[in-house]
Amino acid sequence: MIWLVILIPVLLIGGIAVYFEKKTGMTPPEGSTDKQIDKMAEVKAQTRKDMGGGNNGF
């Protein structure tokens, strides 16, 4: 029964947080997703280059 005392406030606060998050409708700034995609492509290319080239101790 004590778990109800702990669980109900957690669910209530979580529900309120989700409600306000959806209500505000925050979106990322314009162009930030394009920058992130470009950066991820650079990171993947560098990782492939690092894994395939040279003696990496294996």
C-alpha atoms as a PDB file:
ATOM      1  CA  MET A   1       0.000   0.000   0.000  1.00  0.00           C
ATOM      2  CA  ILE A   2       2.922   2.342   0.669  1.00  0.00           C
ATOM      3  CA  TRP A   3       3.915   2.056  -2.997  1.00  0.00           C
ATOM      4  CA  LEU A   4       0.704   3.910  -3.907  1.00  0.00           C
ATOM      5  CA  VAL A   5       1.777   6.843  -1.750  1.00  0.00           C
ATOM      6  CA  ILE A   6       5.055   6.981  -3.668  1.00  0.00           C
ATOM      7  CA  LEU A   7       3.721   6.148  -7.143  1.00  0.00           C
ATOM      8  CA  ILE A   8       0.709   8.484  -7.345  1.00  0.00           C
ATOM      9  CA  PRO A   9       2.675  11.762  -6.917  1.00  0.00           C
ATOM     10  CA  VAL A  10       5.305  10.582  -9.403  1.00  0.00           C
ATOM     11  CA  LEU A  11       2.654   9.790 -12.015  1.00  0.00           C
ATOM     12  CA  LEU A  12       0.814  13.037 -11.321  1.00  0.00           C
ATOM     13  CA  ILE A  13       3.927  15.191 -11.718  1.00  0.00           C
ATOM     14  CA  GLY A  14       4.979  13.195 -14.790  1.00  0.00           C
ATOM     15  CA  GLY A  15       1.577  13.723 -16.383  1.00  0.00           C
ATOM     16  CA  ILE A  16       1.683  17.459 -15.713  1.00  0.00           C
ATOM     17  CA  ALA A  17       5.196  17.664 -17.197  1.00  0.00           C
ATOM     18  CA  VAL A  18       4.131  15.841 -20.368  1.00  0.00           C
ATOM     19  CA  TYR A  19       1.046  18.048 -20.684  1.00  0.00           C
ATOM     20  CA  PHE A  20       3.016  21.284 -20.470  1.00  0.00           C
ATOM     21  CA  GLU A  21       5.738  19.974 -22.776  1.00  0.00           C
ATOM     22  CA  LYS A  22       3.169  19.224 -25.470  1.00  0.00           C
ATOM     23  CA  LYS A  23       1.315  22.485 -24.821  1.00  0.00           C
ATOM     24  CA  THR A  24       4.371  24.677 -25.301  1.00  0.00           C
ATOM     25  CA  GLY A  25       5.291  22.827 -28.486  1.00  0.00           C
ATOM     26  CA  MET A  26       8.978  23.574 -28.305  1.00  0.00           C
ATOM     27  CA  THR A  27      10.758  23.002 -31.604  1.00  0.00           C
ATOM     28  CA  PRO A  28      14.437  23.101 -32.457  1.00  0.00           C
ATOM     29  CA  PRO A  29      15.764  26.299 -34.042  1.00  0.00           C
ATOM     30  CA  GLU A  30      15.645  26.576 -37.828  1.00  0.00           C
ATOM     31  CA  GLY A  31      18.502  24.833 -39.574  1.00  0.00           C
ATOM     32  CA  SER A  32      19.828  23.119 -36.473  1.00  0.00           C
ATOM     33  CA  THR A  33      18.751  19.697 -37.706  1.00  0.00           C
ATOM     34  CA  ASP A  34      20.621  20.226 -40.978  1.00  0.00           C
ATOM     35  CA  LYS A  35      23.745  21.170 -39.043  1.00  0.00           C
ATOM     36  CA  GLN A  36      23.370  18.094 -36.834  1.00  0.00           C
ATOM     37  CA  ILE A  37      22.971  15.816 -39.866  1.00  0.00           C
ATOM     38  CA  ASP A  38      26.087  17.303 -41.462  1.00  0.00           C
ATOM     39  CA  LYS A  39      28.052  16.923 -38.233  1.00  0.00           C
ATOM     40  CA  MET A  40      26.947  13.297 -37.818  1.00  0.00           C
ATOM     41  CA  ALA A  41      28.057  12.552 -41.400  1.00  0.00           C
ATOM     42  CA  GLU A  42      31.487  14.015 -40.600  1.00  0.00           C
ATOM     43  CA  VAL A  43      31.748  11.969 -37.405  1.00  0.00           C
ATOM     44  CA  LYS A  44      30.768   8.744 -39.195  1.00  0.00           C
ATOM     45  CA  ALA A  45      33.266   9.387 -41.975  1.00  0.00           C
ATOM     46  CA  GLN A  46      36.036  10.062 -39.458  1.00  0.00           C
ATOM     47  CA  THR A  47      35.127   6.931 -37.492  1.00  0.00           C
ATOM     48  CA  ARG A  48      35.281   4.781 -40.630  1.00  0.00           C
ATOM     49  CA  LYS A  49      38.623   6.328 -41.526  1.00  0.00           C
ATOM     50  CA  ASP A  50      39.996   5.688 -38.033  1.00  0.00           C
ATOM     51  CA  MET A  51      38.767   2.091 -37.938  1.00  0.00           C
ATOM     52  CA  GLY A  52      40.060   1.136 -41.379  1.00  0.00           C
ATOM     53  CA  GLY A  53      43.379   2.892 -41.492  1.00  0.00           C
ATOM     54  CA  GLY A  54      46.684   2.100 -39.852  1.00  0.00           C
ATOM     55  CA  ASN A  55      47.619  -0.117 -36.953  1.00  0.00           C
ATOM     56  CA  ASN A  56      45.134   0.404 -34.164  1.00  0.00           C
ATOM     57  CA  GLY A  57      46.590  -2.189 -31.802  1.00  0.00           C
ATOM     58  CA  PHE A  58      44.535  -5.249 -32.685  1.00  0.00           C
END
